[in-house]
Amino acid sequence: PNIKVTQVTWQKATNGSKQNIAIFHPSMGVSVLPPYQ
């Protein structure tokens, strides 16, 4: 219980790097990045 989750992020591995797809923040809400909106 002393460890808290602050954010969830989905990413796609592309050519050795990570590309954000969708993010969920308890206070900021849901954010989906192009081209997956």
PDB file of all heavy atoms in Angstrom:
ATOM      1  N   PRO A   1       0.808  -1.237   0.000  1.00  0.00           N
ATOM      2  CA  PRO A   1       0.000   0.000   0.000  1.00  0.00           C
ATOM      3  C   PRO A   1       0.832   1.275   0.000  1.00  0.00           C
ATOM      4  O   PRO A   1       0.309   2.355  -0.290  1.00  0.00           O
ATOM      5  CB  PRO A   1      -0.819  -0.118   1.296  1.00  0.00           C
ATOM      6  CG  PRO A   1      -0.029  -1.050   2.165  1.00  0.00           C
ATOM      7  CD  PRO A   1       0.673  -2.000   1.264  1.00  0.00           C
ATOM      8  N   ASN A   2       2.124   1.198   0.298  1.00  0.00           N
ATOM      9  CA  ASN A   2       2.972   2.385   0.299  1.00  0.00           C
ATOM     10  C   ASN A   2       3.395   2.800  -1.111  1.00  0.00           C
ATOM     11  O   ASN A   2       3.981   3.874  -1.287  1.00  0.00           O
ATOM     12  CB  ASN A   2       4.214   2.138   1.158  1.00  0.00           C
ATOM     13  CG  ASN A   2       3.858   1.894   2.616  1.00  0.00           C
ATOM     14  OD1 ASN A   2       2.922   2.531   3.141  1.00  0.00           O
ATOM     15  ND2 ASN A   2       4.594   0.986   3.263  1.00  0.00           N
ATOM     16  N   ILE A   3       3.119   1.919  -2.119  1.00  0.00           N
ATOM     17  CA  ILE A   3       3.498   2.232  -3.499  1.00  0.00           C
ATOM     18  C   ILE A   3       2.243   2.683  -4.232  1.00  0.00           C
ATOM     19  O   ILE A   3       1.216   2.009  -4.207  1.00  0.00           O
ATOM     20  CB  ILE A   3       4.121   1.004  -4.197  1.00  0.00           C
ATOM     21  CG1 ILE A   3       5.413   0.590  -3.473  1.00  0.00           C
ATOM     22  CG2 ILE A   3       4.387   1.297  -5.662  1.00  0.00           C
ATOM     23  CD1 ILE A   3       6.040  -0.664  -4.025  1.00  0.00           C
ATOM     24  N   LYS A   4       2.349   3.816  -4.898  1.00  0.00           N
ATOM     25  CA  LYS A   4       1.216   4.402  -5.583  1.00  0.00           C
ATOM     26  C   LYS A   4       1.471   4.446  -7.085  1.00  0.00           C
ATOM     27  O   LYS A   4       2.584   4.707  -7.532  1.00  0.00           O
ATOM     28  CB  LYS A   4       0.946   5.806  -5.067  1.00  0.00           C
ATOM     29  CG  LYS A   4       0.541   5.856  -3.600  1.00  0.00           C
ATOM     30  CD  LYS A   4       0.250   7.286  -3.158  1.00  0.00           C
ATOM     31  CE  LYS A   4      -0.165   7.323  -1.689  1.00  0.00           C
ATOM     32  NZ  LYS A   4      -0.475   8.706  -1.224  1.00  0.00           N
ATOM     33  N   VAL A   5       0.396   4.169  -7.887  1.00  0.00           N
ATOM     34  CA  VAL A   5       0.465   4.269  -9.342  1.00  0.00           C
ATOM     35  C   VAL A   5       0.048   5.675  -9.734  1.00  0.00           C
ATOM     36  O   VAL A   5      -1.028   6.154  -9.352  1.00  0.00           O
ATOM     37  CB  VAL A   5      -0.444   3.228 -10.009  1.00  0.00           C
ATOM     38  CG1 VAL A   5      -0.383   3.366 -11.520  1.00  0.00           C
ATOM     39  CG2 VAL A   5      -0.055   1.814  -9.583  1.00  0.00           C
ATOM     40  N   THR A   6       0.883   6.320 -10.513  1.00  0.00           N
ATOM     41  CA  THR A   6       0.604   7.698 -10.885  1.00  0.00           C
ATOM     42  C   THR A   6       0.101   7.842 -12.316  1.00  0.00           C
ATOM     43  O   THR A   6      -0.614   8.805 -12.634  1.00  0.00           O
ATOM     44  CB  THR A   6       1.876   8.540 -10.715  1.00  0.00           C
ATOM     45  OG1 THR A   6       2.910   8.006 -11.557  1.00  0.00           O
ATOM     46  CG2 THR A   6       2.350   8.524  -9.264  1.00  0.00           C
ATOM     47  N   GLN A   7       0.425   6.876 -13.227  1.00  0.00           N
ATOM     48  CA  GLN A   7       0.032   7.030 -14.634  1.00  0.00           C
ATOM     49  C   GLN A   7       0.178   5.687 -15.357  1.00  0.00           C
ATOM     50  O   GLN A   7       1.016   4.862 -15.005  1.00  0.00           O
ATOM     51  CB  GLN A   7       0.905   8.100 -15.306  1.00  0.00           C
ATOM     52  CG  GLN A   7       0.565   8.371 -16.763  1.00  0.00           C
ATOM     53  CD  GLN A   7       1.382   9.501 -17.334  1.00  0.00           C
ATOM     54  OE1 GLN A   7       1.207  10.677 -16.955  1.00  0.00           O
ATOM     55  NE2 GLN A   7       2.284   9.177 -18.247  1.00  0.00           N
ATOM     56  N   VAL A   8      -0.664   5.501 -16.400  1.00  0.00           N
ATOM     57  CA  VAL A   8      -0.585   4.325 -17.264  1.00  0.00           C
ATOM     58  C   VAL A   8      -0.354   4.792 -18.695  1.00  0.00           C
ATOM     59  O   VAL A   8      -1.061   5.685 -19.187  1.00  0.00           O
ATOM     60  CB  VAL A   8      -1.864   3.471 -17.189  1.00  0.00           C
ATOM     61  CG1 VAL A   8      -1.776   2.278 -18.132  1.00  0.00           C
ATOM     62  CG2 VAL A   8      -2.118   3.012 -15.768  1.00  0.00           C
ATOM     63  N   THR A   9       0.598   4.109 -19.406  1.00  0.00           N
ATOM     64  CA  THR A   9       0.937   4.509 -20.769  1.00  0.00           C
ATOM     65  C   THR A   9       1.084   3.272 -21.661  1.00  0.00           C
ATOM     66  O   THR A   9       1.745   2.298 -21.282  1.00  0.00           O
ATOM     67  CB  THR A   9       2.254   5.311 -20.799  1.00  0.00           C
ATOM     68  OG1 THR A   9       2.156   6.433 -19.910  1.00  0.00           O
ATOM     69  CG2 THR A   9       2.565   5.790 -22.205  1.00  0.00           C
ATOM     70  N   TRP A  10       0.449   3.317 -22.861  1.00  0.00           N
ATOM     71  CA  TRP A  10       0.645   2.294 -23.904  1.00  0.00           C
ATOM     72  C   TRP A  10       1.574   2.876 -24.970  1.00  0.00           C
ATOM     73  O   TRP A  10       1.411   4.003 -25.415  1.00  0.00           O
ATOM     74  CB  TRP A  10      -0.669   1.901 -24.559  1.00  0.00           C
ATOM     75  CG  TRP A  10      -1.432   0.837 -23.815  1.00  0.00           C
ATOM     76  CD1 TRP A  10      -2.428   1.019 -22.922  1.00  0.00           C
ATOM     77  CD2 TRP A  10      -1.222  -0.575 -23.925  1.00  0.00           C
ATOM     78  NE1 TRP A  10      -2.885  -0.172 -22.439  1.00  0.00           N
ATOM     79  CE2 TRP A  10      -2.163  -1.196 -23.060  1.00  0.00           C
ATOM     80  CE3 TRP A  10      -0.367  -1.401 -24.651  1.00  0.00           C
ATOM     81  CZ2 TRP A  10      -2.242  -2.570 -22.904  1.00  0.00           C
ATOM     82  CZ3 TRP A  10      -0.463  -2.763 -24.503  1.00  0.00           C
ATOM     83  CH2 TRP A  10      -1.388  -3.358 -23.640  1.00  0.00           C
ATOM     84  N   GLN A  11       2.570   2.031 -25.363  1.00  0.00           N
ATOM     85  CA  GLN A  11       3.551   2.451 -26.355  1.00  0.00           C
ATOM     86  C   GLN A  11       3.732   1.343 -27.402  1.00  0.00           C
ATOM     87  O   GLN A  11       3.430   0.170 -27.143  1.00  0.00           O
ATOM     88  CB  GLN A  11       4.897   2.751 -25.691  1.00  0.00           C
ATOM     89  CG  GLN A  11       4.850   3.870 -24.657  1.00  0.00           C
ATOM     90  CD  GLN A  11       6.146   3.988 -23.892  1.00  0.00           C
ATOM     91  OE1 GLN A  11       6.780   2.985 -23.555  1.00  0.00           O
ATOM     92  NE2 GLN A  11       6.557   5.226 -23.620  1.00  0.00           N
ATOM     93  N   LYS A  12       4.280   1.718 -28.542  1.00  0.00           N
ATOM     94  CA  LYS A  12       4.613   0.757 -29.605  1.00  0.00           C
ATOM     95  C   LYS A  12       6.091   0.897 -29.919  1.00  0.00           C
ATOM     96  O   LYS A  12       6.581   2.007 -30.153  1.00  0.00           O
ATOM     97  CB  LYS A  12       3.779   0.996 -30.864  1.00  0.00           C
ATOM     98  CG  LYS A  12       4.074  -0.016 -31.979  1.00  0.00           C
ATOM     99  CD  LYS A  12       3.252   0.263 -33.220  1.00  0.00           C
ATOM    100  CE  LYS A  12       3.559  -0.767 -34.303  1.00  0.00           C
ATOM    101  NZ  LYS A  12       2.823  -0.507 -35.555  1.00  0.00           N
ATOM    102  N   ALA A  13       6.785  -0.276 -29.960  1.00  0.00           N
ATOM    103  CA  ALA A  13       8.209  -0.272 -30.266  1.00  0.00           C
ATOM    104  C   ALA A  13       8.386  -0.135 -31.781  1.00  0.00           C
ATOM    105  O   ALA A  13       7.888  -0.974 -32.552  1.00  0.00           O
ATOM    106  CB  ALA A  13       8.865  -1.539 -29.765  1.00  0.00           C
ATOM    107  N   THR A  14       9.074   0.920 -32.186  1.00  0.00           N
ATOM    108  CA  THR A  14       9.274   1.197 -33.612  1.00  0.00           C
ATOM    109  C   THR A  14      10.731   1.522 -33.855  1.00  0.00           C
ATOM    110  O   THR A  14      11.229   2.560 -33.370  1.00  0.00           O
ATOM    111  CB  THR A  14       8.394   2.362 -34.073  1.00  0.00           C
ATOM    112  OG1 THR A  14       7.033   2.088 -33.741  1.00  0.00           O
ATOM    113  CG2 THR A  14       8.524   2.590 -35.568  1.00  0.00           C
ATOM    114  N   ASN A  15      11.414   0.627 -34.597  1.00  0.00           N
ATOM    115  CA  ASN A  15      12.813   0.848 -34.983  1.00  0.00           C
ATOM    116  C   ASN A  15      13.698   1.165 -33.776  1.00  0.00           C
ATOM    117  O   ASN A  15      14.530   2.087 -33.784  1.00  0.00           O
ATOM    118  CB  ASN A  15      12.925   1.968 -36.016  1.00  0.00           C
ATOM    119  CG  ASN A  15      12.192   1.653 -37.293  1.00  0.00           C
ATOM    120  OD1 ASN A  15      12.123   0.493 -37.710  1.00  0.00           O
ATOM    121  ND2 ASN A  15      11.614   2.667 -37.930  1.00  0.00           N
ATOM    122  N   GLY A  16      13.520   0.429 -32.681  1.00  0.00           N
ATOM    123  CA  GLY A  16      14.359   0.601 -31.502  1.00  0.00           C
ATOM    124  C   GLY A  16      13.916   1.709 -30.574  1.00  0.00           C
ATOM    125  O   GLY A  16      14.529   1.905 -29.510  1.00  0.00           O
ATOM    126  N   SER A  17      12.870   2.450 -30.879  1.00  0.00           N
ATOM    127  CA  SER A  17      12.358   3.525 -30.024  1.00  0.00           C
ATOM    128  C   SER A  17      10.918   3.217 -29.629  1.00  0.00           C
ATOM    129  O   SER A  17      10.306   2.288 -30.147  1.00  0.00           O
ATOM    130  CB  SER A  17      12.434   4.877 -30.745  1.00  0.00           C
ATOM    131  OG  SER A  17      11.625   4.845 -31.910  1.00  0.00           O
ATOM    132  N   LYS A  18      10.372   4.029 -28.699  1.00  0.00           N
ATOM    133  CA  LYS A  18       9.024   3.839 -28.224  1.00  0.00           C
ATOM    134  C   LYS A  18       8.142   5.009 -28.655  1.00  0.00           C
ATOM    135  O   LYS A  18       8.524   6.164 -28.474  1.00  0.00           O
ATOM    136  CB  LYS A  18       9.009   3.712 -26.705  1.00  0.00           C
ATOM    137  CG  LYS A  18       9.765   2.503 -26.171  1.00  0.00           C
ATOM    138  CD  LYS A  18       9.709   2.450 -24.646  1.00  0.00           C
ATOM    139  CE  LYS A  18      10.456   1.237 -24.103  1.00  0.00           C
ATOM    140  NZ  LYS A  18      10.402   1.184 -22.609  1.00  0.00           N
ATOM    141  N   GLN A  19       6.991   4.683 -29.191  1.00  0.00           N
ATOM    142  CA  GLN A  19       6.025   5.695 -29.637  1.00  0.00           C
ATOM    143  C   GLN A  19       4.784   5.599 -28.771  1.00  0.00           C
ATOM    144  O   GLN A  19       4.163   4.548 -28.670  1.00  0.00           O
ATOM    145  CB  GLN A  19       5.668   5.466 -31.106  1.00  0.00           C
ATOM    146  CG  GLN A  19       4.590   6.395 -31.625  1.00  0.00           C
ATOM    147  CD  GLN A  19       4.109   6.021 -33.008  1.00  0.00           C
ATOM    148  OE1 GLN A  19       4.603   5.055 -33.595  1.00  0.00           O
ATOM    149  NE2 GLN A  19       3.175   6.788 -33.548  1.00  0.00           N
ATOM    150  N   ASN A  20       4.425   6.723 -28.099  1.00  0.00           N
ATOM    151  CA  ASN A  20       3.239   6.732 -27.248  1.00  0.00           C
ATOM    152  C   ASN A  20       1.968   6.612 -28.089  1.00  0.00           C
ATOM    153  O   ASN A  20       1.823   7.230 -29.148  1.00  0.00           O
ATOM    154  CB  ASN A  20       3.179   8.020 -26.422  1.00  0.00           C
ATOM    155  CG  ASN A  20       4.235   8.049 -25.336  1.00  0.00           C
ATOM    156  OD1 ASN A  20       4.756   7.020 -24.920  1.00  0.00           O
ATOM    157  ND2 ASN A  20       4.591   9.260 -24.871  1.00  0.00           N
ATOM    158  N   ILE A  21       1.041   5.788 -27.573  1.00  0.00           N
ATOM    159  CA  ILE A  21      -0.239   5.576 -28.263  1.00  0.00           C
ATOM    160  C   ILE A  21      -1.379   6.168 -27.447  1.00  0.00           C
ATOM    161  O   ILE A  21      -2.177   6.958 -27.951  1.00  0.00           O
ATOM    162  CB  ILE A  21      -0.473   4.070 -28.510  1.00  0.00           C
ATOM    163  CG1 ILE A  21       0.584   3.505 -29.446  1.00  0.00           C
ATOM    164  CG2 ILE A  21      -1.867   3.820 -29.069  1.00  0.00           C
ATOM    165  CD1 ILE A  21       0.492   2.012 -29.632  1.00  0.00           C
ATOM    166  N   ALA A  22      -1.469   5.740 -26.162  1.00  0.00           N
ATOM    167  CA  ALA A  22      -2.550   6.197 -25.290  1.00  0.00           C
ATOM    168  C   ALA A  22      -2.032   6.336 -23.864  1.00  0.00           C
ATOM    169  O   ALA A  22      -1.203   5.534 -23.415  1.00  0.00           O
ATOM    170  CB  ALA A  22      -3.725   5.241 -25.361  1.00  0.00           C
ATOM    171  N   ILE A  23      -2.558   7.368 -23.138  1.00  0.00           N
ATOM    172  CA  ILE A  23      -2.127   7.648 -21.764  1.00  0.00           C
ATOM    173  C   ILE A  23      -3.372   7.851 -20.901  1.00  0.00           C
ATOM    174  O   ILE A  23      -4.331   8.509 -21.320  1.00  0.00           O
ATOM    175  CB  ILE A  23      -1.233   8.902 -21.708  1.00  0.00           C
ATOM    176  CG1 ILE A  23       0.003   8.738 -22.615  1.00  0.00           C
ATOM    177  CG2 ILE A  23      -0.798   9.201 -20.274  1.00  0.00           C
ATOM    178  CD1 ILE A  23       0.821   9.995 -22.766  1.00  0.00           C
ATOM    179  N   PHE A  24      -3.280   7.320 -19.653  1.00  0.00           N
ATOM    180  CA  PHE A  24      -4.339   7.582 -18.682  1.00  0.00           C
ATOM    181  C   PHE A  24      -3.709   8.152 -17.408  1.00  0.00           C
ATOM    182  O   PHE A  24      -2.795   7.549 -16.828  1.00  0.00           O
ATOM    183  CB  PHE A  24      -5.106   6.316 -18.342  1.00  0.00           C
ATOM    184  CG  PHE A  24      -6.056   6.484 -17.196  1.00  0.00           C
ATOM    185  CD1 PHE A  24      -7.228   7.240 -17.345  1.00  0.00           C
ATOM    186  CD2 PHE A  24      -5.774   5.932 -15.945  1.00  0.00           C
ATOM    187  CE1 PHE A  24      -8.087   7.419 -16.283  1.00  0.00           C
ATOM    188  CE2 PHE A  24      -6.643   6.105 -14.886  1.00  0.00           C
ATOM    189  CZ  PHE A  24      -7.794   6.846 -15.053  1.00  0.00           C
ATOM    190  N   HIS A  25      -4.223   9.322 -16.990  1.00  0.00           N
ATOM    191  CA  HIS A  25      -3.755   9.986 -15.770  1.00  0.00           C
ATOM    192  C   HIS A  25      -4.965  10.213 -14.886  1.00  0.00           C
ATOM    193  O   HIS A  25      -6.028  10.618 -15.373  1.00  0.00           O
ATOM    194  CB  HIS A  25      -3.069  11.317 -16.104  1.00  0.00           C
ATOM    195  CG  HIS A  25      -2.364  11.924 -14.945  1.00  0.00           C
ATOM    196  ND1 HIS A  25      -3.004  12.731 -14.012  1.00  0.00           N
ATOM    197  CD2 HIS A  25      -1.052  11.850 -14.554  1.00  0.00           C
ATOM    198  CE1 HIS A  25      -2.141  13.117 -13.105  1.00  0.00           C
ATOM    199  NE2 HIS A  25      -0.923  12.597 -13.420  1.00  0.00           N
ATOM    200  N   PRO A  26      -4.844   9.914 -13.577  1.00  0.00           N
ATOM    201  CA  PRO A  26      -6.018  10.033 -12.714  1.00  0.00           C
ATOM    202  C   PRO A  26      -6.674  11.412 -12.754  1.00  0.00           C
ATOM    203  O   PRO A  26      -7.912  11.510 -12.664  1.00  0.00           O
ATOM    204  CB  PRO A  26      -5.450   9.734 -11.316  1.00  0.00           C
ATOM    205  CG  PRO A  26      -4.201   8.973 -11.559  1.00  0.00           C
ATOM    206  CD  PRO A  26      -3.665   9.439 -12.861  1.00  0.00           C
ATOM    207  N   SER A  27      -5.903  12.427 -12.893  1.00  0.00           N
ATOM    208  CA  SER A  27      -6.473  13.777 -12.893  1.00  0.00           C
ATOM    209  C   SER A  27      -6.578  14.379 -14.287  1.00  0.00           C
ATOM    210  O   SER A  27      -7.480  15.174 -14.580  1.00  0.00           O
ATOM    211  CB  SER A  27      -5.620  14.703 -12.010  1.00  0.00           C
ATOM    212  OG  SER A  27      -4.275  14.732 -12.485  1.00  0.00           O
ATOM    213  N   MET A  28      -5.723  13.969 -15.212  1.00  0.00           N
ATOM    214  CA  MET A  28      -5.710  14.521 -16.566  1.00  0.00           C
ATOM    215  C   MET A  28      -6.643  13.742 -17.517  1.00  0.00           C
ATOM    216  O   MET A  28      -6.993  14.241 -18.583  1.00  0.00           O
ATOM    217  CB  MET A  28      -4.293  14.536 -17.122  1.00  0.00           C
ATOM    218  CG  MET A  28      -3.307  15.333 -16.260  1.00  0.00           C
ATOM    219  SD  MET A  28      -3.700  17.093 -16.206  1.00  0.00           S
ATOM    220  CE  MET A  28      -3.430  17.557 -17.896  1.00  0.00           C
ATOM    221  N   GLY A  29      -6.977  12.518 -17.147  1.00  0.00           N
ATOM    222  CA  GLY A  29      -7.880  11.726 -17.972  1.00  0.00           C
ATOM    223  C   GLY A  29      -7.155  10.921 -19.044  1.00  0.00           C
ATOM    224  O   GLY A  29      -5.980  10.572 -18.923  1.00  0.00           O
ATOM    225  N   VAL A  30      -7.864  10.645 -20.141  1.00  0.00           N
ATOM    226  CA  VAL A  30      -7.358   9.798 -21.235  1.00  0.00           C
ATOM    227  C   VAL A  30      -6.875  10.677 -22.374  1.00  0.00           C
ATOM    228  O   VAL A  30      -7.537  11.645 -22.751  1.00  0.00           O
ATOM    229  CB  VAL A  30      -8.435   8.824 -21.739  1.00  0.00           C
ATOM    230  CG1 VAL A  30      -7.922   8.031 -22.942  1.00  0.00           C
ATOM    231  CG2 VAL A  30      -8.854   7.880 -20.634  1.00  0.00           C
ATOM    232  N   SER A  31      -5.721  10.272 -22.926  1.00  0.00           N
ATOM    233  CA  SER A  31      -5.172  10.975 -24.080  1.00  0.00           C
ATOM    234  C   SER A  31      -4.695   9.944 -25.106  1.00  0.00           C
ATOM    235  O   SER A  31      -3.858   9.087 -24.775  1.00  0.00           O
ATOM    236  CB  SER A  31      -4.006  11.885 -23.646  1.00  0.00           C
ATOM    237  OG  SER A  31      -3.415  12.477 -24.777  1.00  0.00           O
ATOM    238  N   VAL A  32      -5.234  10.009 -26.340  1.00  0.00           N
ATOM    239  CA  VAL A  32      -4.851   9.099 -27.436  1.00  0.00           C
ATOM    240  C   VAL A  32      -4.172   9.928 -28.504  1.00  0.00           C
ATOM    241  O   VAL A  32      -4.724  10.918 -28.992  1.00  0.00           O
ATOM    242  CB  VAL A  32      -6.064   8.362 -28.023  1.00  0.00           C
ATOM    243  CG1 VAL A  32      -5.635   7.445 -29.161  1.00  0.00           C
ATOM    244  CG2 VAL A  32      -6.773   7.570 -26.940  1.00  0.00           C
ATOM    245  N   LEU A  33      -2.971   9.485 -28.891  1.00  0.00           N
ATOM    246  CA  LEU A  33      -2.159  10.239 -29.831  1.00  0.00           C
ATOM    247  C   LEU A  33      -2.416   9.755 -31.257  1.00  0.00           C
ATOM    248  O   LEU A  33      -2.855   8.616 -31.477  1.00  0.00           O
ATOM    249  CB  LEU A  33      -0.676  10.099 -29.486  1.00  0.00           C
ATOM    250  CG  LEU A  33      -0.152  10.917 -28.283  1.00  0.00           C
ATOM    251  CD1 LEU A  33      -0.704  10.394 -26.975  1.00  0.00           C
ATOM    252  CD2 LEU A  33       1.373  10.924 -28.251  1.00  0.00           C
ATOM    253  N   PRO A  34      -2.124  10.668 -32.239  1.00  0.00           N
ATOM    254  CA  PRO A  34      -2.261  10.259 -33.642  1.00  0.00           C
ATOM    255  C   PRO A  34      -1.224   9.176 -33.957  1.00  0.00           C
ATOM    256  O   PRO A  34      -0.139   9.172 -33.369  1.00  0.00           O
ATOM    257  CB  PRO A  34      -1.981  11.539 -34.433  1.00  0.00           C
ATOM    258  CG  PRO A  34      -2.005  12.643 -33.435  1.00  0.00           C
ATOM    259  CD  PRO A  34      -1.730  12.074 -32.087  1.00  0.00           C
ATOM    260  N   PRO A  35      -1.535   8.249 -34.879  1.00  0.00           N
ATOM    261  CA  PRO A  35      -2.763   8.173 -35.712  1.00  0.00           C
ATOM    262  C   PRO A  35      -3.794   7.224 -35.131  1.00  0.00           C
ATOM    263  O   PRO A  35      -4.512   6.576 -35.893  1.00  0.00           O
ATOM    264  CB  PRO A  35      -2.218   7.650 -37.028  1.00  0.00           C
ATOM    265  CG  PRO A  35      -1.080   6.732 -36.615  1.00  0.00           C
ATOM    266  CD  PRO A  35      -0.502   7.292 -35.353  1.00  0.00           C
ATOM    267  N   TYR A  36      -3.913   7.130 -33.785  1.00  0.00           N
ATOM    268  CA  TYR A  36      -4.801   6.160 -33.154  1.00  0.00           C
ATOM    269  C   TYR A  36      -6.008   6.814 -32.476  1.00  0.00           C
ATOM    270  O   TYR A  36      -6.725   6.139 -31.749  1.00  0.00           O
ATOM    271  CB  TYR A  36      -4.012   5.350 -32.097  1.00  0.00           C
ATOM    272  CG  TYR A  36      -2.844   4.562 -32.658  1.00  0.00           C
ATOM    273  CD1 TYR A  36      -1.553   5.101 -32.645  1.00  0.00           C
ATOM    274  CD2 TYR A  36      -3.029   3.289 -33.186  1.00  0.00           C
ATOM    275  CE1 TYR A  36      -0.477   4.368 -33.151  1.00  0.00           C
ATOM    276  CE2 TYR A  36      -1.964   2.573 -33.697  1.00  0.00           C
ATOM    277  CZ  TYR A  36      -0.692   3.110 -33.675  1.00  0.00           C
ATOM    278  OH  TYR A  36       0.369   2.393 -34.184  1.00  0.00           O
ATOM    279  N   GLN A  37      -6.231   8.119 -32.712  1.00  0.00           N
ATOM    280  CA  GLN A  37      -7.292   8.813 -31.971  1.00  0.00           C
ATOM    281  C   GLN A  37      -8.649   8.111 -32.080  1.00  0.00           C
ATOM    282  O   GLN A  37      -9.381   8.010 -31.086  1.00  0.00           O
ATOM    283  CB  GLN A  37      -7.451  10.269 -32.454  1.00  0.00           C
ATOM    284  CG  GLN A  37      -6.296  11.178 -32.106  1.00  0.00           C
ATOM    285  CD  GLN A  37      -5.293  11.256 -33.244  1.00  0.00           C
ATOM    286  OE1 GLN A  37      -5.240  10.363 -34.099  1.00  0.00           O
ATOM    287  NE2 GLN A  37      -4.508  12.318 -33.278  1.00  0.00           N
TER     288      GLN A  37
END
